Amino acid sequence: MANKGKLLILPGDGIGPEVMREVRRVIDWMAKKRGITFEVEEALVGGASIDAYGKPVTDETMDIALAADAVLLGAVGGPKWDDLPFEVKPERGLLRLRKDLGLFANLRPAMCFDALVDASTLKPEIVRGLDIMIVRELTGGVYFGTPRGIETLPDGSRRGVNTQVYTTEEIRRVARVAFDIATKRNNKVTSSEKANVMESGILWREEVTFVHDKEFPGVELSHMYADNCAMQLVRNPKQFDVIVTDNLFGDLLSDAAAMLTGSLGMLPSASLGAADANGKRKAMYEPVHGSAPDIAGKDLANPIATLLSFAMALRYSFDLGAEADLLEKAVENVLGGGLRTGDIMQPGMAKVSTGVMGESIVRALDKLAA
């Protein structure tokens, strides 16, 4: 048995525990069939942590996360906790994890499996073969800039203020991640901002260009205004390979790209920190979908996004690219065989539960590894 490192599992709320159970199946399969093990710990986050400890994430859980090689998160939130004060809502646990782990680069792949081409709202020829990566800056920009808040003006009316702010290093470090990923893909990066109307956009364009010219001249770089980028994603998405953009535009563009594939239940994500002296990064992996409280506990959730998030962890945190490829191929084969959860159900296909989908993917792994 080869122990590959420490993995912290945070199932979270809603469908999180259900989809994470299917990851456990794959972890067990890796140990039995590939001789690959992980030191796995499990803890609470989000609403589950609020119910148990009165806070969305505890200091003890943060200590475990900081010591882990990778964190795998299910989902947080739900109507049960909607009326809590902003500072103790379940989502604050997720934000603290990102902040304390220093996770500044969010990776959102958008891939369209051949078997799901017809699930997209776009024409098949537009999305068939789609495989793009959006790299979103995660810890700066308008979501974190100050001053911010809501103030009452002298005339009694109110004004809301948020500040879009970026520094040289915040831009350069996420640009490096994007360029590095591009060197492992098709050597093409599109940087997206609003340099035509925002000073922060001008700085973004200049600093991304600086990193390109000094460190990655062999990668093709183009610039595109964010509104045009959104339009092009639905017009001709396959023109893109890697898109790098700021926090706000990345939030919008990555969700737009997600729906090109037909379902949020299919899409993984990774959030990466700075590389240490050994090239290792703090990292957290999570599905794009939310906690889906309306179907929680009913064995209806699609586990594929979480399984593909684990595949990203295998690739980026544990240097197990072959195993990541194997898991992704197993998912592709199961979909090709006609199995569907409710969110991706199509005429003529077989509707299955969360557990059956996970079990089928493990069986597909058996066949691939035979």
Protein backbone atom coordinates (compact mmCIF):
# COMPACT_ATOMS: atom_id res chain seq x y z
CA MET A 1 0.00 0.00 0.00
CA ALA A 2 1.25 3.46 -0.91
CA ASN A 3 -0.05 6.24 1.33
CA LYS A 4 -0.33 9.34 -0.81
CA GLY A 5 -1.10 11.90 1.89
CA LYS A 6 -3.78 13.49 4.02
CA LEU A 7 -7.30 14.10 2.75
CA LEU A 8 -9.92 15.98 4.77
CA ILE A 9 -13.53 15.25 3.80
CA LEU A 10 -16.15 17.86 4.69
CA PRO A 11 -19.53 16.49 3.57
CA GLY A 12 -21.42 19.60 4.70
CA ASP A 13 -25.17 20.02 4.24
CA GLY A 14 -28.03 18.87 2.06
CA ILE A 15 -26.91 16.35 -0.54
CA GLY A 16 -23.26 16.76 0.52
CA PRO A 17 -23.14 13.61 2.70
CA GLU A 18 -24.85 11.54 0.00
CA VAL A 19 -22.50 12.46 -2.83
CA MET A 20 -19.49 12.17 -0.55
CA ARG A 21 -20.41 8.55 0.22
CA GLU A 22 -19.78 7.78 -3.43
CA VAL A 23 -16.31 9.30 -3.17
CA ARG A 24 -15.68 6.94 -0.25
CA ARG A 25 -16.50 4.04 -2.60
CA VAL A 26 -13.83 5.21 -5.03
CA ILE A 27 -11.30 5.74 -2.23
CA ASP A 28 -11.93 2.17 -1.07
CA TRP A 29 -11.56 0.95 -4.65
CA MET A 30 -8.22 2.76 -5.00
CA ALA A 31 -6.93 0.99 -1.90
CA LYS A 32 -8.14 -2.47 -2.91
CA LYS A 33 -7.38 -2.39 -6.62
CA ARG A 34 -4.51 0.09 -6.99
CA GLY A 35 -2.77 -0.14 -3.64
CA ILE A 36 -3.23 3.61 -3.15
CA THR A 37 -4.37 4.87 0.24
CA PHE A 38 -5.00 8.23 1.86
CA GLU A 39 -5.01 9.29 5.47
CA VAL A 40 -8.66 10.35 5.53
CA GLU A 41 -10.29 12.47 8.22
CA GLU A 42 -13.86 13.76 8.24
CA ALA A 43 -15.25 16.87 9.92
CA LEU A 44 -18.24 19.20 9.90
CA VAL A 45 -18.71 22.46 8.04
CA GLY A 46 -21.59 24.81 7.24
CA GLY A 47 -24.99 24.22 8.77
CA ALA A 48 -23.95 20.84 10.17
CA SER A 49 -21.17 22.56 12.11
CA ILE A 50 -23.53 25.31 13.28
CA ASP A 51 -25.92 22.69 14.64
CA ALA A 52 -23.14 20.85 16.45
CA TYR A 53 -20.83 23.66 17.57
CA GLY A 54 -22.63 26.96 17.00
CA LYS A 55 -20.25 28.13 14.25
CA PRO A 56 -19.91 27.33 10.52
CA VAL A 57 -16.40 25.98 10.94
CA THR A 58 -14.40 25.41 14.13
CA ASP A 59 -10.77 26.21 14.84
CA GLU A 60 -10.15 22.48 15.27
CA THR A 61 -11.48 21.76 11.78
CA MET A 62 -9.35 24.57 10.37
CA ASP A 63 -6.26 23.03 11.99
CA ILE A 64 -7.01 19.71 10.28
CA ALA A 65 -7.58 21.49 6.96
CA LEU A 66 -4.29 23.37 7.24
CA ALA A 67 -2.45 20.08 7.85
CA ALA A 68 -4.14 18.26 4.97
CA ASP A 69 -2.77 17.85 1.47
CA ALA A 70 -6.26 18.38 0.09
CA VAL A 71 -9.74 19.21 1.34
CA LEU A 72 -12.81 17.73 -0.37
CA LEU A 73 -16.04 19.61 0.36
CA GLY A 74 -19.61 18.59 -0.45
CA ALA A 75 -21.96 21.55 -0.10
CA VAL A 76 -23.05 24.09 2.51
CA GLY A 77 -26.25 25.93 3.33
CA GLY A 78 -29.99 25.49 3.22
CA PRO A 79 -33.22 27.19 4.27
CA LYS A 80 -32.83 25.94 7.84
CA TRP A 81 -30.09 28.51 8.40
CA ASP A 82 -31.35 31.36 6.17
CA ASP A 83 -32.40 33.58 9.07
CA LEU A 84 -29.05 33.50 10.88
CA PRO A 85 -26.94 36.67 10.99
CA PHE A 86 -24.66 37.10 7.98
CA GLU A 87 -21.48 36.51 9.99
CA VAL A 88 -22.55 33.02 11.12
CA LYS A 89 -24.32 31.72 8.01
CA PRO A 90 -23.11 28.32 6.70
CA GLU A 91 -21.38 29.97 3.73
CA ARG A 92 -19.03 31.79 6.11
CA GLY A 93 -17.40 28.44 6.83
CA LEU A 94 -16.56 28.07 3.16
CA LEU A 95 -15.20 31.61 2.99
CA ARG A 96 -13.01 31.02 6.04
CA LEU A 97 -11.60 27.85 4.53
CA ARG A 98 -10.69 29.74 1.37
CA LYS A 99 -9.20 32.64 3.31
CA ASP A 100 -7.20 30.70 5.92
CA LEU A 101 -5.89 28.21 3.35
CA GLY A 102 -4.90 31.08 1.07
CA LEU A 103 -6.86 29.70 -1.89
CA PHE A 104 -6.66 32.43 -4.51
CA ALA A 105 -7.14 30.51 -7.79
CA ASN A 106 -10.44 28.81 -8.55
CA LEU A 107 -10.37 26.26 -11.38
CA ARG A 108 -13.71 25.59 -13.07
CA PRO A 109 -13.54 23.13 -15.96
CA ALA A 110 -16.50 22.95 -18.33
CA MET A 111 -16.50 19.70 -20.26
CA CYS A 112 -19.33 18.29 -22.33
CA PHE A 113 -19.38 14.50 -22.35
CA ASP A 114 -20.46 13.10 -25.71
CA ALA A 115 -23.31 11.23 -24.05
CA LEU A 116 -24.75 14.49 -22.70
CA VAL A 117 -24.51 16.68 -25.79
CA ASP A 118 -28.29 16.74 -26.12
CA ALA A 119 -28.70 17.84 -22.48
CA SER A 120 -27.29 21.26 -23.30
CA THR A 121 -29.66 24.03 -24.32
CA LEU A 122 -27.25 24.88 -27.14
CA LYS A 123 -27.08 23.09 -30.48
CA PRO A 124 -25.03 19.86 -30.38
CA GLU A 125 -22.47 21.18 -32.85
CA ILE A 126 -21.77 24.13 -30.55
CA VAL A 127 -20.97 22.08 -27.43
CA ARG A 128 -19.78 18.69 -28.72
CA GLY A 129 -16.17 18.23 -27.62
CA LEU A 130 -16.24 21.28 -25.36
CA ASP A 131 -13.36 21.33 -22.87
CA ILE A 132 -12.46 24.70 -21.36
CA MET A 133 -10.96 25.79 -18.05
CA ILE A 134 -11.90 29.02 -16.29
CA VAL A 135 -9.35 30.28 -13.76
CA ARG A 136 -11.04 32.75 -11.41
CA GLU A 137 -9.21 34.95 -8.90
CA LEU A 138 -10.87 34.05 -5.60
CA THR A 139 -9.72 36.26 -2.73
CA GLY A 140 -9.64 39.80 -4.10
CA GLY A 141 -11.76 42.16 -6.12
CA VAL A 142 -15.14 43.62 -5.35
CA TYR A 143 -16.19 40.82 -2.99
CA PHE A 144 -13.44 41.71 -0.53
CA GLY A 145 -12.45 45.31 -1.32
CA THR A 146 -12.94 48.13 1.16
CA PRO A 147 -14.64 50.45 1.82
CA ARG A 148 -17.85 48.45 1.68
CA GLY A 149 -21.22 48.57 3.37
CA ILE A 150 -24.59 50.31 3.40
CA GLU A 151 -24.78 53.86 4.71
CA THR A 152 -27.57 56.34 5.37
CA LEU A 153 -27.15 59.66 3.60
CA PRO A 154 -28.09 63.07 5.08
CA ASP A 155 -31.38 63.14 3.15
CA GLY A 156 -32.38 59.77 4.67
CA SER A 157 -31.77 57.73 1.54
CA ARG A 158 -29.26 54.88 1.60
CA ARG A 159 -26.18 54.05 -0.44
CA GLY A 160 -24.51 50.66 -0.90
CA VAL A 161 -20.75 50.65 -1.50
CA ASN A 162 -18.44 47.89 -2.74
CA THR A 163 -14.91 48.50 -3.93
CA GLN A 164 -13.20 46.73 -6.81
CA VAL A 165 -9.49 46.60 -5.97
CA TYR A 166 -6.53 44.51 -7.16
CA THR A 167 -2.78 44.64 -6.58
CA THR A 168 0.06 43.64 -8.86
CA GLU A 169 0.81 40.41 -7.00
CA GLU A 170 -2.83 39.34 -6.74
CA ILE A 171 -3.12 39.52 -10.52
CA ARG A 172 0.28 38.04 -11.34
CA ARG A 173 -0.09 34.97 -9.14
CA VAL A 174 -3.44 33.92 -10.63
CA ALA A 175 -2.13 34.65 -14.12
CA ARG A 176 0.78 32.27 -13.46
CA VAL A 177 -1.64 29.52 -12.51
CA ALA A 178 -3.60 30.06 -15.73
CA PHE A 179 -0.50 30.09 -17.92
CA ASP A 180 0.91 27.01 -16.19
CA ILE A 181 -2.34 25.11 -16.79
CA ALA A 182 -2.32 26.26 -20.42
CA THR A 183 1.13 24.72 -20.94
CA LYS A 184 -0.39 21.35 -20.01
CA ARG A 185 -3.37 21.87 -22.34
CA ASN A 186 -3.36 23.80 -25.64
CA ASN A 187 -1.05 26.75 -24.86
CA LYS A 188 -3.84 29.30 -25.14
CA VAL A 189 -5.10 31.83 -22.56
CA THR A 190 -7.85 34.42 -22.84
CA SER A 191 -7.72 37.12 -20.15
CA SER A 192 -11.09 38.74 -19.47
CA GLU A 193 -11.76 42.13 -17.82
CA LYS A 194 -13.38 45.51 -18.48
CA ALA A 195 -10.34 47.63 -19.28
CA ASN A 196 -12.54 49.90 -21.38
CA VAL A 197 -14.40 51.29 -18.34
CA MET A 198 -12.51 50.18 -15.19
CA GLU A 199 -9.05 51.19 -13.98
CA SER A 200 -8.74 47.83 -12.22
CA GLY A 201 -9.34 46.26 -15.62
CA ILE A 202 -6.50 48.27 -17.14
CA LEU A 203 -4.18 47.09 -14.37
CA TRP A 204 -5.38 43.51 -14.84
CA ARG A 205 -4.63 43.57 -18.55
CA GLU A 206 -1.18 45.14 -18.04
CA GLU A 207 -0.12 42.71 -15.30
CA VAL A 208 -1.35 39.59 -17.13
CA THR A 209 0.57 40.78 -20.18
CA PHE A 210 3.69 41.32 -18.03
CA VAL A 211 3.59 37.73 -16.71
CA HIS A 212 3.03 36.41 -20.20
CA ASP A 213 5.89 38.34 -21.77
CA LYS A 214 8.39 37.64 -18.98
CA GLU A 215 7.54 34.04 -18.03
CA PHE A 216 5.27 32.36 -20.60
CA PRO A 217 6.01 33.85 -24.04
CA GLY A 218 5.26 30.51 -25.69
CA VAL A 219 1.62 30.62 -24.63
CA GLU A 220 -0.84 32.40 -26.92
CA LEU A 221 -2.48 35.28 -25.01
CA SER A 222 -5.52 37.29 -26.02
CA HIS A 223 -7.65 39.82 -24.11
CA MET A 224 -11.42 40.08 -24.18
CA TYR A 225 -13.90 42.34 -22.41
CA ALA A 226 -15.98 40.34 -19.94
CA ASP A 227 -19.34 41.17 -21.52
CA ASN A 228 -18.09 40.03 -24.92
CA CYS A 229 -16.62 36.92 -23.29
CA ALA A 230 -20.05 36.03 -21.90
CA MET A 231 -21.57 36.46 -25.36
CA GLN A 232 -18.85 34.38 -27.02
CA LEU A 233 -19.32 31.57 -24.47
CA VAL A 234 -22.83 30.99 -25.78
CA ARG A 235 -21.99 31.82 -29.40
CA ASN A 236 -18.80 29.83 -29.95
CA PRO A 237 -17.43 28.37 -26.68
CA LYS A 238 -14.87 26.09 -28.33
CA GLN A 239 -12.79 29.12 -29.33
CA PHE A 240 -11.58 29.18 -25.70
CA ASP A 241 -9.17 26.91 -23.86
CA VAL A 242 -8.13 28.65 -20.60
CA ILE A 243 -9.91 31.83 -19.47
CA VAL A 244 -8.38 33.82 -16.61
CA THR A 245 -10.44 36.53 -14.97
CA ASP A 246 -11.19 38.33 -11.72
CA ASN A 247 -13.48 37.34 -8.86
CA LEU A 248 -16.70 39.01 -10.01
CA PHE A 249 -16.46 38.23 -13.71
CA GLY A 250 -15.20 34.72 -12.92
CA ASP A 251 -18.27 34.10 -10.78
CA LEU A 252 -20.53 35.04 -13.69
CA LEU A 253 -18.58 33.48 -16.57
CA SER A 254 -17.98 30.15 -14.85
CA ASP A 255 -21.69 29.65 -14.16
CA ALA A 256 -22.50 30.55 -17.76
CA ALA A 257 -19.92 28.03 -18.96
CA ALA A 258 -21.31 25.45 -16.55
CA MET A 259 -24.73 25.43 -18.18
CA LEU A 260 -23.21 24.85 -21.61
CA THR A 261 -22.67 21.28 -20.43
CA GLY A 262 -26.30 20.73 -19.47
CA SER A 263 -26.18 20.41 -15.69
CA LEU A 264 -24.45 21.94 -12.68
CA GLY A 265 -24.54 18.43 -11.21
CA MET A 266 -21.77 17.43 -13.61
CA LEU A 267 -19.15 20.04 -12.86
CA PRO A 268 -16.22 19.93 -10.44
CA SER A 269 -13.98 22.73 -9.19
CA ALA A 270 -10.66 23.25 -7.46
CA SER A 271 -9.32 26.14 -5.41
CA LEU A 272 -5.54 26.39 -5.15
CA GLY A 273 -3.11 28.32 -2.99
CA ALA A 274 0.48 29.34 -3.54
CA ALA A 275 3.09 26.68 -4.23
CA ASP A 276 5.57 25.99 -1.41
CA ALA A 277 9.26 25.23 -1.85
CA ASN A 278 8.38 21.67 -2.91
CA GLY A 279 5.74 22.79 -5.38
CA LYS A 280 2.85 21.66 -3.15
CA ARG A 281 -0.23 23.85 -2.82
CA LYS A 282 -3.00 24.06 -0.27
CA ALA A 283 -6.11 23.00 -2.13
CA MET A 284 -9.84 22.48 -1.76
CA TYR A 285 -12.04 20.61 -4.21
CA GLU A 286 -15.82 20.87 -4.42
CA PRO A 287 -18.69 20.33 -6.84
CA VAL A 288 -20.23 23.40 -8.39
CA HIS A 289 -23.77 22.44 -7.42
CA GLY A 290 -25.23 23.60 -4.11
CA SER A 291 -26.73 21.67 -1.23
CA ALA A 292 -30.04 21.02 -3.09
CA PRO A 293 -32.10 20.72 0.11
CA ASP A 294 -35.22 19.82 -1.87
CA ILE A 295 -33.78 16.41 -2.78
CA ALA A 296 -31.49 15.86 0.22
CA GLY A 297 -31.81 12.46 1.84
CA LYS A 298 -33.75 10.99 -1.08
CA ASP A 299 -30.89 9.23 -2.92
CA LEU A 300 -31.61 11.38 -5.99
CA ALA A 301 -28.50 13.57 -6.18
CA ASN A 302 -25.99 13.34 -9.00
CA PRO A 303 -22.60 12.34 -7.48
CA ILE A 304 -20.61 12.88 -10.67
CA ALA A 305 -19.49 16.46 -9.96
CA THR A 306 -18.12 15.39 -6.59
CA LEU A 307 -16.40 12.36 -8.09
CA LEU A 308 -14.85 14.55 -10.78
CA SER A 309 -13.74 16.97 -8.04
CA PHE A 310 -11.97 14.04 -6.41
CA ALA A 311 -10.38 13.31 -9.80
CA MET A 312 -9.05 16.88 -9.81
CA ALA A 313 -7.63 16.27 -6.32
CA LEU A 314 -5.90 13.14 -7.58
CA ARG A 315 -4.36 15.14 -10.42
CA TYR A 316 -3.40 18.43 -8.74
CA SER A 317 -2.71 17.47 -5.11
CA PHE A 318 -1.54 13.86 -5.21
CA ASP A 319 0.21 13.62 -8.60
CA LEU A 320 -2.02 10.71 -9.61
CA GLY A 321 -2.85 11.77 -13.14
CA ALA A 322 -3.33 8.19 -14.39
CA GLU A 323 -5.89 7.48 -11.66
CA ALA A 324 -7.65 10.78 -12.39
CA ASP A 325 -7.87 9.82 -16.07
CA LEU A 326 -9.22 6.40 -15.08
CA LEU A 327 -11.99 7.89 -12.93
CA GLU A 328 -12.98 10.39 -15.62
CA LYS A 329 -13.07 7.60 -18.21
CA ALA A 330 -15.25 5.48 -15.89
CA VAL A 331 -17.73 8.35 -15.62
CA GLU A 332 -17.72 8.75 -19.40
CA ASN A 333 -18.35 5.03 -19.91
CA VAL A 334 -21.25 4.91 -17.45
CA LEU A 335 -22.90 7.88 -19.14
CA GLY A 336 -22.26 6.27 -22.51
CA GLY A 337 -24.05 3.18 -21.23
CA GLY A 338 -27.21 5.20 -20.70
CA LEU A 339 -27.39 5.66 -16.92
CA ARG A 340 -28.69 9.01 -15.71
CA THR A 341 -29.64 10.67 -12.45
CA GLY A 342 -32.76 12.83 -12.54
CA ASP A 343 -30.99 16.12 -13.30
CA ILE A 344 -29.53 14.77 -16.56
CA MET A 345 -32.31 12.36 -17.49
CA GLN A 346 -33.00 11.99 -21.20
CA PRO A 347 -35.56 10.02 -23.20
CA GLY A 348 -34.60 6.39 -23.61
CA MET A 349 -32.08 6.41 -20.78
CA ALA A 350 -32.22 4.59 -17.43
CA LYS A 351 -32.90 6.76 -14.40
CA VAL A 352 -30.86 5.66 -11.38
CA SER A 353 -30.26 6.74 -7.78
CA THR A 354 -27.17 8.37 -6.28
CA GLY A 355 -26.00 5.03 -4.94
CA VAL A 356 -26.55 3.12 -8.16
CA MET A 357 -24.67 5.76 -10.14
CA GLY A 358 -21.73 5.55 -7.73
CA GLU A 359 -21.75 1.76 -7.73
CA SER A 360 -21.88 1.71 -11.54
CA ILE A 361 -18.87 4.00 -11.78
CA VAL A 362 -16.91 1.70 -9.47
CA ARG A 363 -17.86 -1.27 -11.67
CA ALA A 364 -16.67 0.70 -14.69
CA LEU A 365 -13.37 1.27 -12.87
CA ASP A 366 -13.09 -2.51 -12.41
CA LYS A 367 -13.50 -3.06 -16.14
CA LEU A 368 -10.98 -0.37 -17.05
CA ALA A 369 -8.39 -1.68 -14.62
CA ALA A 370 -8.83 -5.32 -15.61
